[in-house]
N, C-alpha and C. Protein backbone atom coordinates (compact mmCIF):
# COMPACT_ATOMS: atom_id res chain seq x y z
N UNK A 1 0.83 -1.21 0.00
CA UNK A 1 0.01 0.06 -0.04
C UNK A 1 0.81 1.23 0.05
N UNK A 2 2.01 1.27 0.80
CA UNK A 2 2.91 2.44 0.89
C UNK A 2 3.43 2.88 -0.49
N UNK A 3 3.81 1.70 -1.25
CA UNK A 3 4.44 2.09 -2.65
C UNK A 3 3.37 2.61 -3.53
N UNK A 4 2.06 2.23 -3.46
CA UNK A 4 1.06 2.64 -4.29
C UNK A 4 0.77 4.19 -3.89
N UNK A 5 0.87 4.35 -2.66
CA UNK A 5 0.54 5.85 -2.14
C UNK A 5 1.69 6.74 -2.74
N UNK A 6 2.91 6.33 -2.61
CA UNK A 6 4.03 7.10 -3.11
C UNK A 6 3.90 7.32 -4.71
N UNK A 7 3.52 6.22 -5.42
CA UNK A 7 3.30 6.47 -6.84
C UNK A 7 2.23 7.45 -7.22
N UNK A 8 1.14 7.31 -6.38
CA UNK A 8 0.04 8.25 -6.64
C UNK A 8 0.43 9.69 -6.39
N UNK A 9 1.24 9.84 -5.37
CA UNK A 9 1.66 11.14 -4.92
C UNK A 9 2.63 11.69 -6.10
N UNK A 10 3.57 10.82 -6.54
CA UNK A 10 4.51 11.27 -7.53
C UNK A 10 3.75 11.54 -8.79
N UNK A 11 2.82 10.69 -9.21
CA UNK A 11 1.92 11.04 -10.52
C UNK A 11 1.27 12.44 -10.26
N UNK A 12 0.74 12.71 -9.02
CA UNK A 12 0.01 13.83 -8.90
C UNK A 12 0.94 15.02 -9.02
N UNK A 13 2.21 14.91 -8.50
CA UNK A 13 3.15 16.07 -8.68
C UNK A 13 3.53 16.34 -10.01
N UNK A 14 3.88 15.13 -10.81
CA UNK A 14 4.06 15.39 -12.35
C UNK A 14 2.96 16.04 -13.06
N UNK A 15 1.76 15.69 -12.66
CA UNK A 15 0.53 16.32 -13.29
C UNK A 15 0.46 17.63 -12.98
N UNK A 16 0.68 18.03 -11.69
CA UNK A 16 0.67 19.53 -11.32
C UNK A 16 1.80 20.32 -11.89
N UNK A 17 3.01 19.63 -12.05
CA UNK A 17 4.09 20.47 -12.57
C UNK A 17 3.96 20.66 -14.11
N UNK A 18 3.27 19.60 -14.67
CA UNK A 18 2.97 19.68 -16.06
C UNK A 18 1.90 20.79 -16.43
N UNK A 19 0.92 20.95 -15.54
CA UNK A 19 -0.07 22.03 -15.74
C UNK A 19 0.64 23.40 -15.44
N UNK A 20 1.50 23.52 -14.46
CA UNK A 20 2.21 24.74 -14.22
C UNK A 20 3.12 25.12 -15.40
N UNK A 21 3.81 24.19 -16.00
CA UNK A 21 4.62 24.60 -17.16
C UNK A 21 3.81 25.04 -18.16
N UNK A 22 2.70 24.32 -18.48
CA UNK A 22 1.79 24.72 -19.63
C UNK A 22 1.31 26.28 -19.47
N UNK A 23 0.74 26.42 -18.30
CA UNK A 23 0.14 27.80 -17.93
C UNK A 23 1.18 28.86 -17.84
N UNK A 24 2.32 28.60 -17.35
CA UNK A 24 3.41 29.63 -17.18
C UNK A 24 3.95 29.93 -18.58
N UNK A 25 4.10 29.04 -19.50
CA UNK A 25 4.58 29.19 -20.73
C UNK A 25 3.47 30.07 -21.57
N UNK A 26 2.13 29.80 -21.43
CA UNK A 26 1.09 30.71 -21.97
C UNK A 26 1.10 31.92 -21.45
N UNK A 27 1.48 32.16 -20.28
CA UNK A 27 1.54 33.67 -19.68
C UNK A 27 2.90 34.29 -19.86
N UNK A 28 3.94 33.47 -20.21
CA UNK A 28 5.24 34.06 -20.40
C UNK A 28 5.21 34.82 -21.80
N UNK A 29 4.35 34.43 -22.67
CA UNK A 29 4.32 35.14 -23.99
C UNK A 29 3.98 36.69 -23.80
N UNK A 30 3.55 37.25 -22.56
CA UNK A 30 3.31 38.48 -22.45
C UNK A 30 4.53 39.40 -22.01
N UNK A 31 5.67 38.62 -21.58
CA UNK A 31 6.95 39.20 -21.13
C UNK A 31 7.83 38.96 -22.30
N UNK A 32 8.29 39.98 -22.97
CA UNK A 32 9.25 39.89 -23.93
C UNK A 32 10.43 40.91 -23.82
N UNK A 33 11.70 40.41 -24.13
CA UNK A 33 12.85 41.05 -24.26
C UNK A 33 13.24 41.01 -25.78
N UNK A 34 13.29 42.04 -26.60
CA UNK A 34 13.47 41.83 -28.14
C UNK A 34 12.28 41.14 -28.73
N UNK A 35 12.74 40.19 -29.59
CA UNK A 35 11.79 39.42 -30.38
C UNK A 35 11.10 38.29 -29.70
N UNK A 36 11.64 37.74 -28.59
CA UNK A 36 11.26 36.59 -28.08
C UNK A 36 10.63 36.56 -26.68
N UNK A 37 9.72 35.67 -26.35
CA UNK A 37 9.20 35.72 -24.93
C UNK A 37 10.33 35.18 -24.00
N UNK A 38 10.05 35.59 -22.79
CA UNK A 38 11.08 35.24 -21.78
C UNK A 38 10.47 33.80 -21.26
N UNK A 39 11.40 32.82 -20.98
CA UNK A 39 11.14 31.56 -20.52
C UNK A 39 11.00 31.50 -19.01
N UNK A 40 9.83 31.49 -18.44
CA UNK A 40 9.62 31.36 -17.06
C UNK A 40 9.41 30.05 -16.49
N UNK A 41 9.23 29.10 -17.42
CA UNK A 41 8.94 27.62 -17.14
C UNK A 41 10.16 26.92 -16.65
N UNK A 42 11.36 27.38 -16.67
CA UNK A 42 12.57 26.61 -16.20
C UNK A 42 12.48 26.39 -14.74
N UNK A 43 11.84 27.34 -13.92
CA UNK A 43 11.83 27.07 -12.59
C UNK A 43 11.00 25.84 -12.23
N UNK A 44 9.78 25.70 -12.79
CA UNK A 44 9.11 24.49 -12.33
C UNK A 44 9.65 23.32 -12.86
N UNK A 45 10.23 23.39 -14.03
CA UNK A 45 11.13 22.22 -14.68
C UNK A 45 12.19 21.78 -13.69
N UNK A 46 12.85 22.68 -13.14
CA UNK A 46 14.01 22.33 -12.18
C UNK A 46 13.47 21.81 -10.98
N UNK A 47 12.31 22.41 -10.41
CA UNK A 47 11.69 21.87 -9.18
C UNK A 47 11.23 20.45 -9.46
N UNK A 48 10.50 20.40 -10.54
CA UNK A 48 9.91 19.08 -10.89
C UNK A 48 10.98 18.00 -10.99
N UNK A 49 12.04 18.32 -11.75
CA UNK A 49 13.18 17.40 -11.85
C UNK A 49 13.79 17.03 -10.61
N UNK A 50 13.82 17.98 -9.64
CA UNK A 50 14.60 17.78 -8.31
C UNK A 50 13.59 16.85 -7.49
N UNK A 51 12.30 17.12 -7.55
CA UNK A 51 11.25 16.43 -6.73
C UNK A 51 10.93 14.90 -7.22
N UNK A 52 10.87 14.92 -8.52
CA UNK A 52 10.32 13.58 -9.24
C UNK A 52 11.43 12.89 -10.03
N UNK A 53 12.51 13.45 -10.40
CA UNK A 53 13.57 12.71 -10.99
C UNK A 53 13.93 13.27 -12.47
N UNK A 54 14.91 12.67 -12.86
CA UNK A 54 15.49 13.04 -14.24
C UNK A 54 14.48 12.95 -15.40
N UNK A 55 13.81 11.82 -15.45
CA UNK A 55 12.68 11.52 -16.37
C UNK A 55 11.53 12.56 -16.37
N UNK A 56 11.34 12.94 -15.18
CA UNK A 56 10.27 14.11 -15.14
C UNK A 56 10.74 15.43 -15.60
N UNK A 57 11.96 15.68 -15.39
CA UNK A 57 12.61 16.95 -15.86
C UNK A 57 12.62 16.88 -17.41
N UNK A 58 12.90 15.71 -18.06
CA UNK A 58 12.80 15.66 -19.46
C UNK A 58 11.34 15.79 -20.11
N UNK A 59 10.47 15.07 -19.25
CA UNK A 59 9.04 15.18 -19.71
C UNK A 59 8.61 16.63 -19.58
N UNK A 60 8.99 17.38 -18.37
CA UNK A 60 8.48 18.69 -18.42
C UNK A 60 9.07 19.63 -19.40
N UNK A 61 10.27 19.27 -19.92
CA UNK A 61 11.03 19.99 -20.94
C UNK A 61 10.34 19.71 -22.22
N UNK A 62 9.71 18.55 -22.45
CA UNK A 62 8.97 18.21 -23.59
C UNK A 62 7.67 19.03 -23.67
N UNK A 63 6.99 19.06 -22.56
CA UNK A 63 5.82 19.95 -22.41
C UNK A 63 6.09 21.40 -22.78
N UNK A 64 7.20 21.91 -22.18
CA UNK A 64 7.62 23.24 -22.40
C UNK A 64 7.75 23.48 -24.11
N UNK A 65 8.45 22.46 -24.64
CA UNK A 65 8.58 22.60 -26.20
C UNK A 65 7.28 22.49 -26.92
N UNK A 66 6.39 21.69 -26.55
CA UNK A 66 5.10 21.60 -27.14
C UNK A 66 4.32 23.05 -26.95
N UNK A 67 4.40 23.47 -25.75
CA UNK A 67 3.77 24.83 -25.51
C UNK A 67 4.32 25.97 -26.27
N UNK A 68 5.54 25.81 -26.54
CA UNK A 68 6.23 26.96 -27.60
C UNK A 68 5.41 27.00 -28.82
N UNK A 69 5.13 25.70 -29.29
CA UNK A 69 4.48 25.67 -30.59
C UNK A 69 2.93 26.17 -30.32
N UNK A 70 2.39 25.76 -29.33
CA UNK A 70 1.00 26.07 -29.08
C UNK A 70 0.80 27.68 -28.90
N UNK A 71 1.74 28.36 -28.38
CA UNK A 71 1.63 29.80 -28.16
C UNK A 71 2.07 30.64 -29.24
N UNK A 72 2.63 29.95 -30.36
CA UNK A 72 3.05 30.69 -31.61
C UNK A 72 4.45 31.26 -31.39
N UNK A 73 5.10 31.04 -30.30
CA UNK A 73 6.47 31.65 -30.10
C UNK A 73 7.62 31.16 -31.16
N UNK A 74 7.27 29.96 -31.81
CA UNK A 74 8.08 29.54 -32.95
C UNK A 74 7.66 29.77 -34.26
N UNK A 75 6.82 30.60 -34.47
CA UNK A 75 6.09 30.92 -35.79
C UNK A 75 7.15 31.58 -36.81
N UNK A 76 8.02 32.41 -36.25
CA UNK A 76 8.90 33.05 -37.31
C UNK A 76 9.97 31.91 -37.84
N UNK A 77 10.28 30.93 -37.06
CA UNK A 77 11.31 30.00 -37.43
C UNK A 77 10.57 28.76 -38.26
N UNK A 78 9.22 28.55 -37.84
CA UNK A 78 8.52 27.47 -38.59
C UNK A 78 8.39 27.83 -40.01
N UNK A 79 8.17 29.12 -40.37
CA UNK A 79 8.12 29.62 -41.67
C UNK A 79 9.32 29.45 -42.49
N UNK A 80 10.46 29.37 -41.84
CA UNK A 80 11.80 29.29 -42.56
C UNK A 80 12.20 27.70 -42.76
N UNK A 81 12.07 27.09 -41.75
CA UNK A 81 12.47 25.62 -41.66
C UNK A 81 11.77 24.84 -40.63
N UNK A 82 10.57 24.29 -40.93
CA UNK A 82 9.78 23.61 -39.98
C UNK A 82 10.47 22.49 -39.22
N UNK A 83 11.16 21.56 -40.07
CA UNK A 83 11.77 20.46 -39.27
C UNK A 83 12.89 20.96 -38.45
N UNK A 84 13.74 21.93 -38.82
CA UNK A 84 14.84 22.55 -38.00
C UNK A 84 14.17 23.19 -36.84
N UNK A 85 12.96 23.79 -36.93
CA UNK A 85 12.30 24.42 -35.78
C UNK A 85 11.89 23.37 -34.73
N UNK A 86 11.29 22.26 -35.25
CA UNK A 86 10.83 21.24 -34.43
C UNK A 86 11.90 20.60 -33.60
N UNK A 87 13.07 20.32 -34.34
CA UNK A 87 14.16 19.66 -33.74
C UNK A 87 14.78 20.74 -32.59
N UNK A 88 14.90 21.85 -32.95
CA UNK A 88 15.52 22.87 -32.01
C UNK A 88 14.74 23.08 -30.74
N UNK A 89 13.33 23.41 -31.03
CA UNK A 89 12.56 23.71 -29.94
C UNK A 89 12.28 22.41 -28.98
N UNK A 90 12.13 21.30 -29.58
CA UNK A 90 11.94 20.10 -28.67
C UNK A 90 13.23 19.79 -27.92
N UNK A 91 14.37 19.79 -28.69
CA UNK A 91 15.63 19.40 -28.06
C UNK A 91 16.02 20.29 -26.93
N UNK A 92 15.75 21.62 -27.14
CA UNK A 92 16.23 22.67 -26.10
C UNK A 92 15.34 22.42 -24.81
N UNK A 93 14.18 22.22 -25.03
CA UNK A 93 13.25 21.97 -23.84
C UNK A 93 13.68 20.62 -23.13
N UNK A 94 13.59 19.62 -23.85
CA UNK A 94 13.90 18.31 -23.29
C UNK A 94 15.26 18.21 -22.64
N UNK A 95 16.37 18.81 -23.39
CA UNK A 95 17.75 18.73 -22.77
C UNK A 95 17.82 19.62 -21.60
N UNK A 96 17.09 20.82 -21.56
CA UNK A 96 17.17 21.65 -20.31
C UNK A 96 16.65 21.06 -19.14
N UNK A 97 15.51 20.25 -19.36
CA UNK A 97 14.86 19.54 -18.28
C UNK A 97 15.80 18.36 -17.76
N UNK A 98 16.25 17.60 -18.72
CA UNK A 98 17.22 16.53 -18.45
C UNK A 98 18.38 16.97 -17.66
N UNK A 99 18.99 18.08 -18.27
CA UNK A 99 20.21 18.65 -17.58
C UNK A 99 19.95 19.06 -16.07
N UNK A 100 18.87 19.69 -15.97
CA UNK A 100 18.42 20.05 -14.49
C UNK A 100 18.26 19.01 -13.71
N UNK A 101 17.66 17.87 -14.19
CA UNK A 101 17.53 16.59 -13.39
C UNK A 101 18.81 15.90 -13.11
N UNK A 102 19.55 15.72 -14.04
CA UNK A 102 21.06 15.16 -13.84
C UNK A 102 21.83 15.93 -12.90
N UNK A 103 21.83 17.30 -12.97
CA UNK A 103 22.57 18.14 -12.20
C UNK A 103 22.13 18.03 -10.75
N UNK A 104 20.73 18.15 -10.55
CA UNK A 104 20.30 18.05 -9.21
C UNK A 104 20.66 16.59 -8.50
N UNK A 105 20.45 15.51 -9.33
CA UNK A 105 20.74 14.19 -8.81
C UNK A 105 22.17 14.01 -8.57
N UNK A 106 23.12 14.41 -9.24
CA UNK A 106 24.53 14.41 -8.93
C UNK A 106 24.92 15.19 -7.81
N UNK A 107 24.53 16.42 -7.69
CA UNK A 107 24.91 17.28 -6.68
C UNK A 107 24.10 17.24 -5.33
N UNK A 108 22.94 16.63 -5.38
CA UNK A 108 22.16 16.50 -4.12
C UNK A 108 22.85 15.61 -3.00
N UNK A 109 23.71 14.79 -3.64
CA UNK A 109 24.41 13.94 -2.58
C UNK A 109 25.35 14.82 -1.78
N UNK A 110 25.78 15.97 -2.22
CA UNK A 110 26.66 16.85 -1.56
C UNK A 110 25.89 17.96 -0.68
N UNK A 111 24.99 18.59 -1.53
CA UNK A 111 24.21 19.54 -0.86
C UNK A 111 22.99 19.96 -1.67
N UNK A 112 21.71 19.88 -1.16
CA UNK A 112 20.51 20.19 -2.07
C UNK A 112 20.51 21.61 -2.34
N UNK A 113 20.97 22.49 -1.56
CA UNK A 113 21.01 24.01 -1.94
C UNK A 113 21.83 24.05 -3.24
N UNK A 114 23.06 23.52 -3.15
CA UNK A 114 24.08 23.58 -4.23
C UNK A 114 23.41 22.92 -5.43
N UNK A 115 22.77 21.75 -5.29
CA UNK A 115 22.11 21.02 -6.38
C UNK A 115 21.13 21.87 -7.10
N UNK A 116 20.18 22.48 -6.43
CA UNK A 116 19.20 23.19 -7.15
C UNK A 116 19.57 24.49 -7.67
N UNK A 117 20.67 25.14 -6.88
CA UNK A 117 21.11 26.50 -7.44
C UNK A 117 21.91 26.10 -8.80
N UNK A 118 22.64 25.07 -8.70
CA UNK A 118 23.35 24.76 -10.08
C UNK A 118 22.46 24.40 -11.18
N UNK A 119 21.45 23.47 -10.80
CA UNK A 119 20.39 23.11 -11.76
C UNK A 119 19.74 24.40 -12.38
N UNK A 120 19.36 25.30 -11.51
CA UNK A 120 18.81 26.55 -12.01
C UNK A 120 19.65 27.24 -12.89
N UNK A 121 20.90 27.15 -12.78
CA UNK A 121 21.84 27.78 -13.82
C UNK A 121 21.97 27.05 -15.06
N UNK A 122 22.13 25.76 -14.80
CA UNK A 122 22.52 24.72 -16.08
C UNK A 122 21.19 24.73 -17.03
N UNK A 123 19.98 24.76 -16.44
CA UNK A 123 18.78 24.61 -17.29
C UNK A 123 18.85 25.73 -18.36
N UNK A 124 18.87 27.06 -17.96
CA UNK A 124 18.82 28.00 -19.06
C UNK A 124 20.02 28.13 -19.88
N UNK A 125 21.19 27.69 -19.40
CA UNK A 125 22.43 27.55 -20.11
C UNK A 125 22.19 26.59 -21.29
N UNK A 126 21.58 25.45 -20.99
CA UNK A 126 21.50 24.34 -22.01
C UNK A 126 20.24 24.90 -23.02
N UNK A 127 19.19 25.32 -22.44
CA UNK A 127 18.08 25.87 -23.18
C UNK A 127 18.59 26.96 -24.24
N UNK A 128 19.32 27.95 -23.79
CA UNK A 128 19.87 28.82 -24.67
C UNK A 128 20.96 28.37 -25.62
N UNK A 129 21.82 27.50 -25.18
CA UNK A 129 23.02 26.89 -25.95
C UNK A 129 22.35 26.07 -27.11
N UNK A 130 21.23 25.27 -26.93
CA UNK A 130 20.64 24.54 -27.96
C UNK A 130 19.96 25.35 -28.97
N UNK A 131 19.38 26.52 -28.51
CA UNK A 131 18.80 27.52 -29.34
C UNK A 131 19.73 28.22 -30.23
N UNK A 132 20.91 28.54 -29.65
CA UNK A 132 21.94 29.12 -30.62
C UNK A 132 22.51 27.97 -31.54
N UNK A 133 22.77 26.86 -31.06
CA UNK A 133 23.16 25.81 -32.06
C UNK A 133 22.17 25.68 -33.23
N UNK A 134 20.97 25.60 -32.64
CA UNK A 134 19.80 25.46 -33.78
C UNK A 134 19.81 26.58 -34.82
N UNK A 135 20.07 27.82 -34.34
CA UNK A 135 20.11 28.97 -35.17
C UNK A 135 21.27 28.78 -36.25
N UNK A 136 22.29 28.35 -35.66
CA UNK A 136 23.67 28.18 -36.61
C UNK A 136 23.31 27.09 -37.57
N UNK A 137 22.60 26.02 -37.21
CA UNK A 137 22.51 24.86 -38.07
C UNK A 137 21.44 25.09 -39.08
N UNK A 138 20.28 25.71 -38.58
CA UNK A 138 19.11 25.62 -39.42
C UNK A 138 18.62 27.07 -39.96
N UNK A 139 19.14 28.07 -39.32
CA UNK A 139 18.66 29.48 -39.75
C UNK A 139 19.77 30.48 -39.97
N UNK A 140 20.92 29.94 -40.23
CA UNK A 140 22.08 30.82 -40.27
C UNK A 140 21.74 31.95 -41.50
N UNK A 141 21.32 31.52 -42.60
CA UNK A 141 21.19 32.56 -43.61
C UNK A 141 20.24 33.63 -43.29
N UNK A 142 19.00 33.18 -42.58
CA UNK A 142 18.09 34.23 -42.20
C UNK A 142 18.57 35.11 -41.01
N UNK A 143 19.22 34.37 -40.08
CA UNK A 143 19.91 35.17 -38.99
C UNK A 143 20.84 36.18 -39.57
N UNK A 144 21.69 35.84 -40.51
CA UNK A 144 22.68 36.62 -41.05
C UNK A 144 22.04 37.81 -41.80
N UNK A 145 20.90 37.59 -42.36
CA UNK A 145 20.12 38.77 -43.00
C UNK A 145 19.51 39.71 -41.92
N UNK A 146 19.15 39.17 -40.80
CA UNK A 146 18.62 39.99 -39.78
C UNK A 146 19.77 40.84 -39.17
N UNK A 147 20.84 40.16 -38.94
CA UNK A 147 21.98 40.86 -38.38
C UNK A 147 22.54 41.92 -39.31
N UNK A 148 22.58 41.69 -40.67
CA UNK A 148 23.01 42.65 -41.60
C UNK A 148 21.98 43.87 -41.62
N UNK A 149 20.74 43.60 -41.46
CA UNK A 149 19.78 44.68 -41.52
C UNK A 149 19.82 45.61 -40.13
N UNK A 150 20.44 44.85 -39.12
CA UNK A 150 20.59 45.57 -37.90
C UNK A 150 21.99 46.21 -37.72
N UNK A 151 22.79 45.93 -38.74
CA UNK A 151 24.28 46.44 -38.74
C UNK A 151 25.07 45.74 -37.84
N UNK A 152 24.92 44.53 -37.65
CA UNK A 152 25.72 43.90 -36.62
C UNK A 152 26.37 42.63 -37.21
N UNK A 153 27.39 42.03 -36.60
CA UNK A 153 28.01 40.71 -37.01
C UNK A 153 26.92 39.57 -36.61
N UNK A 154 26.84 38.48 -37.18
CA UNK A 154 26.04 37.45 -36.89
C UNK A 154 26.05 37.14 -35.44
N UNK A 155 27.41 36.83 -34.90
CA UNK A 155 27.48 36.41 -33.54
C UNK A 155 27.11 37.45 -32.52
N UNK A 156 27.40 38.59 -32.81
CA UNK A 156 26.93 39.79 -32.01
C UNK A 156 25.36 39.85 -31.99
N UNK A 157 24.85 39.71 -33.17
CA UNK A 157 23.30 39.79 -33.24
C UNK A 157 22.71 38.65 -32.31
N UNK A 158 23.23 37.48 -32.61
CA UNK A 158 22.74 36.34 -31.77
C UNK A 158 22.77 36.47 -30.21
N UNK A 159 23.89 36.98 -29.81
CA UNK A 159 24.05 37.20 -28.38
C UNK A 159 23.38 38.48 -27.95
N UNK A 160 23.54 39.58 -28.53
CA UNK A 160 23.10 40.87 -28.06
C UNK A 160 21.68 41.07 -28.24
N UNK A 161 21.17 40.55 -29.39
CA UNK A 161 19.71 40.90 -29.74
C UNK A 161 18.80 39.68 -29.50
N UNK A 162 19.19 38.52 -30.02
CA UNK A 162 18.26 37.26 -29.91
C UNK A 162 18.24 36.72 -28.57
N UNK A 163 19.44 36.53 -27.79
CA UNK A 163 19.32 35.83 -26.53
C UNK A 163 19.82 36.60 -25.30
N UNK A 164 20.49 37.60 -25.44
CA UNK A 164 21.14 38.41 -24.31
C UNK A 164 20.43 38.65 -23.15
N UNK A 165 19.37 39.59 -23.37
CA UNK A 165 18.55 40.07 -22.22
C UNK A 165 17.54 38.78 -21.68
N UNK A 166 17.13 38.09 -22.60
CA UNK A 166 16.32 36.86 -22.18
C UNK A 166 17.06 35.93 -21.44
N UNK A 167 18.17 35.58 -21.78
CA UNK A 167 19.09 34.66 -21.01
C UNK A 167 19.56 35.28 -19.69
N UNK A 168 19.84 36.44 -19.58
CA UNK A 168 20.10 37.01 -18.23
C UNK A 168 18.99 37.16 -17.35
N UNK A 169 17.90 37.43 -17.90
CA UNK A 169 16.59 37.37 -17.10
C UNK A 169 16.29 36.01 -16.65
N UNK A 170 16.42 34.98 -17.48
CA UNK A 170 16.18 33.52 -17.13
C UNK A 170 17.01 33.14 -16.07
N UNK A 171 18.18 33.30 -16.19
CA UNK A 171 19.24 32.89 -15.25
C UNK A 171 18.92 33.43 -13.87
N UNK A 172 18.80 34.88 -13.89
CA UNK A 172 18.52 35.64 -12.60
C UNK A 172 17.14 35.08 -11.92
N UNK A 173 16.12 34.93 -12.78
CA UNK A 173 14.78 34.41 -12.35
C UNK A 173 14.93 33.05 -11.62
N UNK A 174 15.80 32.23 -12.21
CA UNK A 174 15.86 30.78 -11.65
C UNK A 174 16.75 30.93 -10.50
N UNK A 175 17.82 31.70 -10.42
CA UNK A 175 18.70 31.69 -9.32
C UNK A 175 18.04 32.30 -8.01
N UNK A 176 17.26 33.41 -8.34
CA UNK A 176 16.58 34.09 -7.29
C UNK A 176 15.52 33.14 -6.66
N UNK A 177 14.79 32.33 -7.43
CA UNK A 177 13.80 31.45 -7.00
C UNK A 177 14.36 30.04 -6.39
N UNK A 178 15.58 29.80 -6.72
CA UNK A 178 16.14 28.50 -6.32
C UNK A 178 16.04 28.21 -4.78
N UNK A 179 16.21 29.26 -3.87
CA UNK A 179 16.06 28.92 -2.38
C UNK A 179 14.49 28.51 -2.17
N UNK A 180 13.63 29.12 -2.83
CA UNK A 180 12.32 28.66 -2.57
C UNK A 180 11.97 27.18 -3.00
N UNK A 181 12.72 26.83 -4.18
CA UNK A 181 12.65 25.56 -4.67
C UNK A 181 13.07 24.66 -3.74
N UNK A 182 14.32 24.96 -3.08
CA UNK A 182 14.87 24.05 -2.20
C UNK A 182 13.97 23.71 -1.00
N UNK A 183 13.32 24.90 -0.55
CA UNK A 183 12.29 24.77 0.57
C UNK A 183 11.19 23.77 0.06
N UNK A 184 10.66 23.85 -1.08
CA UNK A 184 9.60 23.17 -1.61
C UNK A 184 10.04 21.67 -1.56
N UNK A 185 11.22 21.32 -2.00
CA UNK A 185 11.65 19.99 -2.20
C UNK A 185 11.81 19.53 -0.68
N UNK A 186 12.43 20.34 0.25
CA UNK A 186 12.56 19.65 1.64
C UNK A 186 11.11 19.37 2.21
N UNK A 187 10.21 20.27 2.00
CA UNK A 187 8.85 19.99 2.61
C UNK A 187 8.24 18.74 2.02
N UNK A 188 8.36 18.53 0.72
CA UNK A 188 7.97 17.39 0.06
C UNK A 188 8.73 16.02 0.51
N UNK A 189 9.95 16.19 0.74
CA UNK A 189 10.69 15.00 1.27
C UNK A 189 10.35 14.69 2.64
N UNK A 190 10.06 15.74 3.54
CA UNK A 190 9.50 15.45 4.91
C UNK A 190 8.09 14.84 4.82
N UNK A 191 7.35 15.22 4.03
CA UNK A 191 5.85 14.72 3.85
C UNK A 191 6.01 13.08 3.41
N UNK A 192 7.04 13.00 2.45
CA UNK A 192 7.17 11.58 1.96
C UNK A 192 7.72 10.60 3.08
N UNK A 193 8.51 11.13 3.93
CA UNK A 193 9.13 10.33 4.91
C UNK A 193 8.19 10.10 6.28
N UNK A 194 7.02 10.87 6.25
CA UNK A 194 6.07 10.75 7.36
C UNK A 194 5.01 9.72 7.10
C-alpha cells in the first residue's frame, strides 16, 4: 500500500508540474525582451526534476517545447524551416529539463541547495545553448540577413539581440527562486518520510 501511495503522490506532482509549465508558458508570452518571450517555465522544470527525477525533468521540458508551438512563439522559425524548428525547440526543452534533473541528482548527494542552485543555472544555459546551435544549423542565412539589417555581425546579433537580455533574465529568475525551490523540495521530502 505504501508504494502505491508514493506512486500516486508522484504522479500527482508530475501532473501538477505539467499544468504549471503549460500555464506559465502561455503567460510568459506577455513578457518579451526583444523578439522572443521570456522563458519562465524553467523554474518549475527544475523543481519538478528535483522532486520527481530526471525523467520528469525531460518530460516537463517536452511539455515546454510543445507549449512553445501552441503559443506561436516559434512561428517566425517555422516559416523558414519547420523540421529545424521542431528539432531545435523540442531538443532545447527536453535537454534543459534532463540537464536540470541530472545536475540535481549528482549534486544533491553533496548539498541540496548547491544542487538546486546549479540546476537553476544549468537549465537556461542548456536551453539557450541549444537554441544558438539550432540557429547556426538551421537558420544561419536568415539570422545573417537579420544581423545585416541591424548592422551587426551574426555572432553579436545572436548574443546581443536574440538571446542576451532573455538569457540574463532567465538565469536571474531561476537563481533568485532556487532557495524557494529547495524549501519546496524539503517540505515534499519530509511529507514523503512521514
